[in-house]
C-alpha atoms as a PDB file:
ATOM      1  CA  MET A   1     112.795  91.503 130.254  1.00  0.00           C
ATOM      2  CA  SER A   2     114.207  88.899 127.711  1.00  0.00           C
ATOM      3  CA  SER A   3     117.815  88.599 126.933  1.00  0.00           C
ATOM      4  CA  VAL A   4     117.268  89.886 123.297  1.00  0.00           C
ATOM      5  CA  ILE A   5     115.416  93.169 124.466  1.00  0.00           C
ATOM      6  CA  GLN A   6     118.322  93.600 127.054  1.00  0.00           C
ATOM      7  CA  GLN A   7     120.841  93.418 124.291  1.00  0.00           C
ATOM      8  CA  LEU A   8     118.766  95.935 122.064  1.00  0.00           C
ATOM      9  CA  SER A   9     118.633  98.400 125.075  1.00  0.00           C
ATOM     10  CA  SER A  10     122.391  97.923 125.976  1.00  0.00           C
ATOM     11  CA  PRO A  11     124.666 100.870 126.393  1.00  0.00           C
ATOM     12  CA  VAL A  12     126.412  99.853 123.239  1.00  0.00           C
ATOM     13  CA  MET A  13     123.152 100.385 121.194  1.00  0.00           C
ATOM     14  CA  TYR A  14     122.477 103.645 123.110  1.00  0.00           C
ATOM     15  CA  LEU A  15     125.979 104.963 122.142  1.00  0.00           C
ATOM     16  CA  ILE A  16     125.607 103.862 118.383  1.00  0.00           C
ATOM     17  CA  CYS A  17     122.221 105.393 118.051  1.00  0.00           C
ATOM     18  CA  GLY A  18     122.976 108.361 120.251  1.00  0.00           C
ATOM     19  CA  VAL A  19     125.954 109.531 118.354  1.00  0.00           C
ATOM     20  CA  ILE A  20     123.902 109.495 115.050  1.00  0.00           C
ATOM     21  CA  VAL A  21     120.963 111.363 116.487  1.00  0.00           C
ATOM     22  CA  ALA A  22     123.493 113.972 117.998  1.00  0.00           C
ATOM     23  CA  PHE A  23     125.111 114.411 114.683  1.00  0.00           C
ATOM     24  CA  VAL A  24     121.721 115.108 113.028  1.00  0.00           C
ATOM     25  CA  ALA A  25     120.835 117.327 115.765  1.00  0.00           C
ATOM     26  CA  VAL A  26     123.922 119.427 115.239  1.00  0.00           C
ATOM     27  CA  VAL A  27     123.260 119.566 111.528  1.00  0.00           C
ATOM     28  CA  CYS A  28     119.796 120.829 112.065  1.00  0.00           C
ATOM     29  CA  VAL A  29     121.182 123.683 114.280  1.00  0.00           C
ATOM     30  CA  VAL A  30     123.843 124.569 111.866  1.00  0.00           C
ATOM     31  CA  PHE A  31     121.281 124.883 108.998  1.00  0.00           C
ATOM     32  CA  ALA A  32     118.925 126.710 111.159  1.00  0.00           C
ATOM     33  CA  VAL A  33     121.641 129.280 111.980  1.00  0.00           C
ATOM     34  CA  ARG A  34     122.439 129.643 108.244  1.00  0.00           C
ATOM     35  CA  ALA A  35     118.778 130.005 107.240  1.00  0.00           C
ATOM     36  CA  TRP A  36     118.438 132.778 109.848  1.00  0.00           C
ATOM     37  CA  ARG A  37     121.361 134.662 108.413  1.00  0.00           C
ATOM     38  CA  ALA A  38     120.393 134.053 104.983  1.00  0.00           C
ATOM     39  CA  GLY A  39     117.018 135.527 105.595  1.00  0.00           C
ATOM     40  CA  LYS A  40     118.485 138.786 107.203  1.00  0.00           C
ATOM     41  CA  ALA A  41     120.990 138.951 104.406  1.00  0.00           C
ATOM     42  CA  ILE A  42     118.135 139.175 101.731  1.00  0.00           C
ATOM     43  CA  GLY A  43     116.263 141.701 103.785  1.00  0.00           C
ATOM     44  CA  MET A  44     113.515 139.548 105.457  1.00  0.00           C
ATOM     45  CA  ASP A  45     111.501 141.097 108.126  1.00  0.00           C
ATOM     46  CA  LEU A  46     112.510 140.006 111.608  1.00  0.00           C
ATOM     47  CA  ALA A  47     108.836 139.651 112.457  1.00  0.00           C
ATOM     48  CA  VAL A  48     108.366 137.273 109.735  1.00  0.00           C
ATOM     49  CA  LEU A  49     111.513 135.249 110.532  1.00  0.00           C
ATOM     50  CA  ARG A  50     110.271 134.920 114.207  1.00  0.00           C
ATOM     51  CA  ARG A  51     107.046 133.707 112.928  1.00  0.00           C
ATOM     52  CA  VAL A  52     108.564 131.112 110.705  1.00  0.00           C
ATOM     53  CA  VAL A  53     110.602 129.814 113.745  1.00  0.00           C
ATOM     54  CA  THR A  54     107.554 129.779 115.904  1.00  0.00           C
ATOM     55  CA  ALA A  55     105.391 127.922 113.322  1.00  0.00           C
ATOM     56  CA  SER A  56     108.438 125.443 112.685  1.00  0.00           C
ATOM     57  CA  ALA A  57     108.855 124.809 116.325  1.00  0.00           C
ATOM     58  CA  SER A  58     105.378 124.219 117.009  1.00  0.00           C
ATOM     59  CA  PHE A  59     104.915 121.929 113.945  1.00  0.00           C
ATOM     60  CA  SER A  60     107.896 119.889 115.307  1.00  0.00           C
ATOM     61  CA  VAL A  61     107.347 119.814 118.956  1.00  0.00           C
ATOM     62  CA  LEU A  62     103.638 119.330 119.427  1.00  0.00           C
ATOM     63  CA  PRO A  63     103.397 116.292 116.940  1.00  0.00           C
ATOM     64  CA  ALA A  64     106.580 114.873 118.608  1.00  0.00           C
ATOM     65  CA  VAL A  65     104.249 113.771 121.324  1.00  0.00           C
ATOM     66  CA  GLY A  66     102.784 111.168 118.959  1.00  0.00           C
ATOM     67  CA  ILE A  67     106.246 110.212 117.789  1.00  0.00           C
ATOM     68  CA  LEU A  68     107.104 109.576 121.431  1.00  0.00           C
ATOM     69  CA  LEU A  69     104.245 107.366 121.771  1.00  0.00           C
ATOM     70  CA  GLY A  70     105.467 105.583 118.724  1.00  0.00           C
ATOM     71  CA  VAL A  71     108.952 105.078 120.316  1.00  0.00           C
ATOM     72  CA  VAL A  72     107.176 103.687 123.410  1.00  0.00           C
ATOM     73  CA  ALA A  73     105.079 101.235 121.486  1.00  0.00           C
ATOM     74  CA  LEU A  74     107.861  99.880 119.384  1.00  0.00           C
ATOM     75  CA  SER A  75     110.335  99.627 122.274  1.00  0.00           C
ATOM     76  CA  GLY A  76     108.660  96.874 123.808  1.00  0.00           C
ATOM     77  CA  ALA A  77     109.682  94.599 120.916  1.00  0.00           C
ATOM     78  CA  LEU A  78     112.632  96.513 119.523  1.00  0.00           C
ATOM     79  CA  GLY A  79     114.288  98.052 122.529  1.00  0.00           C
ATOM     80  CA  ILE A  80     114.573 101.718 123.064  1.00  0.00           C
ATOM     81  CA  PRO A  81     117.651 103.090 121.130  1.00  0.00           C
ATOM     82  CA  TRP A  82     116.482 101.696 117.617  1.00  0.00           C
ATOM     83  CA  PRO A  83     113.015 103.064 117.539  1.00  0.00           C
ATOM     84  CA  TRP A  84     114.359 106.272 118.932  1.00  0.00           C
ATOM     85  CA  LEU A  85     116.853 106.254 116.188  1.00  0.00           C
ATOM     86  CA  ARG A  86     114.479 105.650 113.460  1.00  0.00           C
ATOM     87  CA  LEU A  87     111.761 108.141 114.408  1.00  0.00           C
ATOM     88  CA  SER A  88     114.398 110.885 115.303  1.00  0.00           C
ATOM     89  CA  VAL A  89     116.151 110.918 111.955  1.00  0.00           C
ATOM     90  CA  ILE A  90     114.079 110.157 108.831  1.00  0.00           C
ATOM     91  CA  GLY A  91     111.543 107.662 109.817  1.00  0.00           C
ATOM     92  CA  ALA A  92     107.698 108.406 109.970  1.00  0.00           C
ATOM     93  CA  LEU A  93     105.437 106.955 112.703  1.00  0.00           C
ATOM     94  CA  HIS A  94     103.086 105.107 110.463  1.00  0.00           C
ATOM     95  CA  TYR A  95     105.909 103.865 108.081  1.00  0.00           C
ATOM     96  CA  GLU A  96     108.091 102.442 110.873  1.00  0.00           C
ATOM     97  CA  THR A  97     105.252 100.632 112.678  1.00  0.00           C
ATOM     98  CA  GLN A  98     103.769  99.271 109.440  1.00  0.00           C
ATOM     99  CA  VAL A  99     107.193  98.006 108.243  1.00  0.00           C
ATOM    100  CA  ALA A 100     108.242  96.488 111.428  1.00  0.00           C
ATOM    101  CA  GLU A 101     104.953  94.642 111.748  1.00  0.00           C
ATOM    102  CA  GLY A 102     105.061  93.530 108.205  1.00  0.00           C
ATOM    103  CA  ALA A 103     108.804  92.391 108.424  1.00  0.00           C
ATOM    104  CA  ALA A 104     108.018  90.540 111.678  1.00  0.00           C
ATOM    105  CA  GLU A 105     105.044  88.856 110.036  1.00  0.00           C
ATOM    106  CA  GLN A 106     107.277  87.770 107.261  1.00  0.00           C
ATOM    107  CA  VAL A 107     109.876  86.123 109.506  1.00  0.00           C
ATOM    108  CA  GLY A 108     107.172  84.249 111.216  1.00  0.00           C
ATOM    109  CA  ILE A 109     106.767  86.121 114.570  1.00  0.00           C
ATOM    110  CA  ASP A 110     104.633  88.643 116.320  1.00  0.00           C
ATOM    111  CA  LEU A 111     106.127  92.034 116.969  1.00  0.00           C
ATOM    112  CA  SER A 112     106.558  91.294 120.669  1.00  0.00           C
ATOM    113  CA  ALA A 113     109.592  91.022 123.130  1.00  0.00           C
ATOM    114  CA  SER A 114     108.652  87.303 123.854  1.00  0.00           C
ATOM    115  CA  GLN A 115     109.044  86.234 120.375  1.00  0.00           C
ATOM    116  CA  MET A 116     111.754  88.594 119.251  1.00  0.00           C
ATOM    117  CA  THR A 117     115.222  87.002 118.133  1.00  0.00           C
ATOM    118  CA  VAL A 118     118.477  88.549 117.035  1.00  0.00           C
ATOM    119  CA  SER A 119     117.936  87.426 113.491  1.00  0.00           C
ATOM    120  CA  ALA A 120     114.401  88.671 113.373  1.00  0.00           C
ATOM    121  CA  PHE A 121     115.575  92.098 114.611  1.00  0.00           C
ATOM    122  CA  THR A 122     118.353  92.294 112.067  1.00  0.00           C
ATOM    123  CA  THR A 123     115.821  91.565 109.345  1.00  0.00           C
ATOM    124  CA  ILE A 124     113.259  94.164 110.791  1.00  0.00           C
ATOM    125  CA  ALA A 125     115.995  96.819 111.273  1.00  0.00           C
ATOM    126  CA  LEU A 126     117.377  96.154 107.740  1.00  0.00           C
ATOM    127  CA  LEU A 127     114.126  96.360 106.082  1.00  0.00           C
ATOM    128  CA  MET A 128     113.115  99.547 108.172  1.00  0.00           C
ATOM    129  CA  SER A 129     116.368 101.155 106.912  1.00  0.00           C
ATOM    130  CA  VAL A 130     116.721 100.126 103.369  1.00  0.00           C
ATOM    131  CA  CYS A 131     113.067 100.827 102.346  1.00  0.00           C
ATOM    132  CA  ILE A 132     113.125 104.461 103.283  1.00  0.00           C
ATOM    133  CA  MET A 133     116.693 105.412 102.206  1.00  0.00           C
ATOM    134  CA  TRP A 134     115.964 105.986  98.466  1.00  0.00           C
ATOM    135  CA  GLY A 135     114.520 109.500  99.021  1.00  0.00           C
ATOM    136  CA  MET A 136     118.016 110.653 100.110  1.00  0.00           C
ATOM    137  CA  VAL A 137     119.871 108.663  97.407  1.00  0.00           C
ATOM    138  CA  LEU A 138     117.728 109.925  94.544  1.00  0.00           C
ATOM    139  CA  ASN A 139     118.056 113.528  95.923  1.00  0.00           C
ATOM    140  CA  LEU A 140     121.783 113.248  95.346  1.00  0.00           C
ATOM    141  CA  PHE A 141     121.192 113.034  91.612  1.00  0.00           C
ATOM    142  CA  LEU A 142     117.756 114.397  90.799  1.00  0.00           C
ATOM    143  CA  ASN A 143     117.000 117.039  93.424  1.00  0.00           C
ATOM    144  CA  ARG A 144     117.810 120.104  91.298  1.00  0.00           C
ATOM    145  CA  LYS A 145     115.569 118.965  88.425  1.00  0.00           C
ATOM    146  CA  TYR A 146     112.822 117.739  90.727  1.00  0.00           C
ATOM    147  CA  THR A 147     112.661 121.103  92.681  1.00  0.00           C
ATOM    148  CA  ALA A 148     112.653 122.873  89.368  1.00  0.00           C
ATOM    149  CA  ARG A 149     109.659 120.786  88.172  1.00  0.00           C
ATOM    150  CA  LEU A 150     107.840 121.389  91.455  1.00  0.00           C
ATOM    151  CA  ALA A 151     108.119 124.990  91.014  1.00  0.00           C
ATOM    152  CA  ARG A 152     106.844 125.189  87.423  1.00  0.00           C
ATOM    153  CA  PRO A 153     103.274 126.336  87.069  1.00  0.00           C
ATOM    154  CA  ASP A 154     100.716 124.268  84.926  1.00  0.00           C
ATOM    155  CA  ALA A 155      99.749 124.929  81.362  1.00  0.00           C
ATOM    156  CA  ALA A 156      97.120 127.421  82.309  1.00  0.00           C
ATOM    157  CA  GLY A 157      99.552 129.226  84.632  1.00  0.00           C
ATOM    158  CA  GLY A 158      97.848 128.344  87.822  1.00  0.00           C
ATOM    159  CA  ALA A 159      98.994 126.214  90.677  1.00  0.00           C
ATOM    160  CA  SER A 160     102.526 124.667  90.454  1.00  0.00           C
ATOM    161  CA  PHE A 161     103.053 121.029  90.038  1.00  0.00           C
ATOM    162  CA  GLY A 162     104.345 120.889  93.514  1.00  0.00           C
ATOM    163  CA  ASP A 163     101.120 122.165  94.981  1.00  0.00           C
ATOM    164  CA  GLN A 164      99.011 119.836  92.802  1.00  0.00           C
ATOM    165  CA  ALA A 165     101.321 116.713  93.816  1.00  0.00           C
ATOM    166  CA  MET A 166     101.010 117.558  97.457  1.00  0.00           C
ATOM    167  CA  THR A 167      97.269 117.891  97.172  1.00  0.00           C
ATOM    168  CA  ALA A 168      97.016 114.524  95.315  1.00  0.00           C
ATOM    169  CA  MET A 169      99.355 112.613  97.693  1.00  0.00           C
ATOM    170  CA  PHE A 170      97.508 113.950 100.717  1.00  0.00           C
ATOM    171  CA  ILE A 171      94.081 112.951  99.378  1.00  0.00           C
ATOM    172  CA  GLY A 172      95.512 109.596  98.379  1.00  0.00           C
ATOM    173  CA  LEU A 173      97.094 109.033 101.788  1.00  0.00           C
ATOM    174  CA  VAL A 174      93.683 109.988 103.616  1.00  0.00           C
ATOM    175  CA  SER A 175      91.789 107.787 100.996  1.00  0.00           C
ATOM    176  CA  VAL A 176      94.011 104.736 101.625  1.00  0.00           C
ATOM    177  CA  TYR A 177      93.762 104.819 105.447  1.00  0.00           C
ATOM    178  CA  ILE A 178      90.041 105.612 105.629  1.00  0.00           C
ATOM    179  CA  GLY A 179      89.351 103.132 102.815  1.00  0.00           C
ATOM    180  CA  SER A 180      91.201 100.368 104.857  1.00  0.00           C
ATOM    181  CA  TYR A 181      89.023 100.888 107.797  1.00  0.00           C
ATOM    182  CA  LEU A 182      85.914 100.987 105.831  1.00  0.00           C
ATOM    183  CA  GLY A 183      87.037  97.754 104.181  1.00  0.00           C
ATOM    184  CA  GLN A 184      87.451  96.155 107.524  1.00  0.00           C
ATOM    185  CA  TRP A 185      83.881  97.015 108.331  1.00  0.00           C
ATOM    186  CA  ILE A 186      82.401  95.814 105.088  1.00  0.00           C
ATOM    187  CA  SER A 187      84.420  92.384 105.161  1.00  0.00           C
ATOM    188  CA  GLY A 188      83.311  92.157 108.757  1.00  0.00           C
ATOM    189  CA  GLY A 189      79.706  91.875 107.624  1.00  0.00           C
ATOM    190  CA  GLY A 190      78.840  95.405 108.240  1.00  0.00           C
ATOM    191  CA  ARG A 191      79.292  95.192 112.028  1.00  0.00           C
ATOM    192  CA  PHE A 192      80.768  98.721 113.111  1.00  0.00           C
ATOM    193  CA  THR A 193      82.722  97.586 116.075  1.00  0.00           C
ATOM    194  CA  PHE A 194      84.241 100.444 118.243  1.00  0.00           C
ATOM    195  CA  SER A 195      87.138  98.210 118.848  1.00  0.00           C
ATOM    196  CA  GLY A 196      87.920  97.754 115.080  1.00  0.00           C
ATOM    197  CA  SER A 197      87.107  99.999 112.318  1.00  0.00           C
ATOM    198  CA  ALA A 198      85.111 102.753 114.295  1.00  0.00           C
ATOM    199  CA  LEU A 199      87.988 104.058 116.430  1.00  0.00           C
ATOM    200  CA  PRO A 200      90.280 105.243 113.591  1.00  0.00           C
ATOM    201  CA  LEU A 201      87.375 106.774 111.684  1.00  0.00           C
ATOM    202  CA  LEU A 202      85.962 108.663 114.831  1.00  0.00           C
ATOM    203  CA  THR A 203      89.526 109.862 115.484  1.00  0.00           C
ATOM    204  CA  ALA A 204      89.980 111.117 112.125  1.00  0.00           C
ATOM    205  CA  LEU A 205      86.562 112.906 112.318  1.00  0.00           C
ATOM    206  CA  CYS A 206      87.559 114.328 115.809  1.00  0.00           C
ATOM    207  CA  ALA A 207      90.873 115.749 114.221  1.00  0.00           C
ATOM    208  CA  ALA A 208      89.016 117.092 111.241  1.00  0.00           C
ATOM    209  CA  ALA A 209      86.502 118.861 113.382  1.00  0.00           C
ATOM    210  CA  VAL A 210      89.063 120.516 115.459  1.00  0.00           C
ATOM    211  CA  MET A 211      91.055 121.533 112.298  1.00  0.00           C
ATOM    212  CA  ALA A 212      87.841 123.088 110.922  1.00  0.00           C
ATOM    213  CA  LEU A 213      87.027 124.845 114.126  1.00  0.00           C
ATOM    214  CA  LEU A 214      90.566 126.266 114.410  1.00  0.00           C
ATOM    215  CA  THR A 215      90.358 127.391 110.964  1.00  0.00           C
ATOM    216  CA  LEU A 216      86.995 129.101 111.448  1.00  0.00           C
ATOM    217  CA  ILE A 217      88.257 130.860 114.613  1.00  0.00           C
ATOM    218  CA  ALA A 218      91.484 132.067 112.705  1.00  0.00           C
ATOM    219  CA  GLU A 219      89.267 133.544 109.789  1.00  0.00           C
ATOM    220  CA  LYS A 220      86.620 135.257 111.973  1.00  0.00           C
ATOM    221  CA  LEU A 221      88.965 136.639 114.626  1.00  0.00           C
ATOM    222  CA  ARG A 222      91.688 137.247 112.206  1.00  0.00           C
ATOM    223  CA  TRP A 223      94.206 135.288 114.339  1.00  0.00           C
ATOM    224  CA  LYS A 224      96.840 134.649 111.728  1.00  0.00           C
ATOM    225  CA  TRP A 225      99.104 133.083 114.308  1.00  0.00           C
ATOM    226  CA  LEU A 226      96.571 130.409 114.977  1.00  0.00           C
ATOM    227  CA  GLU A 227      96.952 129.016 111.478  1.00  0.00           C
ATOM    228  CA  ASP A 228     100.679 128.020 112.507  1.00  0.00           C
ATOM    229  CA  PHE A 229      99.415 125.860 115.255  1.00  0.00           C
ATOM    230  CA  SER A 230      96.174 124.405 113.884  1.00  0.00           C
ATOM    231  CA  LEU A 231      97.701 121.307 112.323  1.00  0.00           C
ATOM    232  CA  ALA A 232      99.740 120.324 115.333  1.00  0.00           C
ATOM    233  CA  LEU A 233      96.696 121.054 117.606  1.00  0.00           C
ATOM    234  CA  SER A 234      94.438 118.957 115.558  1.00  0.00           C
ATOM    235  CA  MET A 235      96.842 116.186 115.592  1.00  0.00           C
ATOM    236  CA  LEU A 236      96.972 116.393 119.352  1.00  0.00           C
ATOM    237  CA  ALA A 237      93.210 116.504 119.550  1.00  0.00           C
ATOM    238  CA  GLY A 238      92.943 113.306 117.496  1.00  0.00           C
ATOM    239  CA  MET A 239      95.373 111.472 119.612  1.00  0.00           C
ATOM    240  CA  ALA A 240      93.456 112.664 122.886  1.00  0.00           C
ATOM    241  CA  CYS A 241      90.249 111.672 121.276  1.00  0.00           C
ATOM    242  CA  ALA A 242      91.669 108.180 120.372  1.00  0.00           C
ATOM    243  CA  ALA A 243      92.763 107.557 124.024  1.00  0.00           C
ATOM    244  CA  VAL A 244      89.326 108.603 125.392  1.00  0.00           C
ATOM    245  CA  LEU A 245      87.350 106.682 123.029  1.00  0.00           C
ATOM    246  CA  ASN A 246      89.472 103.539 123.542  1.00  0.00           C
ATOM    247  CA  GLN A 247      88.822 103.631 127.369  1.00  0.00           C
ATOM    248  CA  ILE A 248      84.956 104.372 127.229  1.00  0.00           C
ATOM    249  CA  LEU A 249      83.841 102.434 124.054  1.00  0.00           C
END
C-alpha cells in the first residue's frame, strides 16, 4: 500500500469521518422518533406507520449493498474513510464516482492508488464536496417556497408539479445513461461489445424486467407489501445480473 493511501486510511481520518457519520446517524434516529410520535399524535393507524418503517428500511438497507460496493471501489484510490463519509451522508454512488474520476482526470492522473498524491486527493475531495452542497444551502432560503410549489396542482387540476418534475427527471436520467452507452456503440462503428456498451444496457434491461415481474405479481396476487420492496429488489437483481454477465460474456 502506498504512503498516500496509508495516510488516507489513518486513524485520524477514521476519527474525523467517523464523528461526522455518527452525528448524522444520531440526527436520523432523532427525526425518526419524532416522526413516529407525530404520526401517532395526528391519529395515524399503527399498521400504516409500521408499513412506512418497513418500506423505508427496505429502501435504505437493500440498495446499501450497491453503496458498499461503491465504497470498496473508491477505497482503492481514496482510502476507506473518505468514500465511507461521502456515501454515508449526502453523496450518491453515480455522482461520487463520476466526480472523482473527472477530477482525477483534470489533475492529470488515473483514479488509482499508484498515481494518487496528497494534492490530487485534496482537489478530488474538495470538488466532490463543493459540487453537491448547494442543495443544502439553497434549502435554507428556498425550501418553503419550493415545497409549496411542488405540491401545487397543474392548471387542469391534475398531477402536482412535484410529481411531474420527478417523472421528467427520472426519464431524463434514464435517457442520459442509456443514451451514453448507445453513443459508445455508435461511435465504435456499431460493434456491440459485451465489455463495453452491452453490459450496462443488459443490466438495465434485467432490472427493468424484474421490476415489471414484481409489479405484475403484486397486482395479480394483491400483495401490496411487495410494492415496498420492488425497487430495492430490482436494483439488487440488476447488480447481480451485471456481476454474472461480466464473468460469462
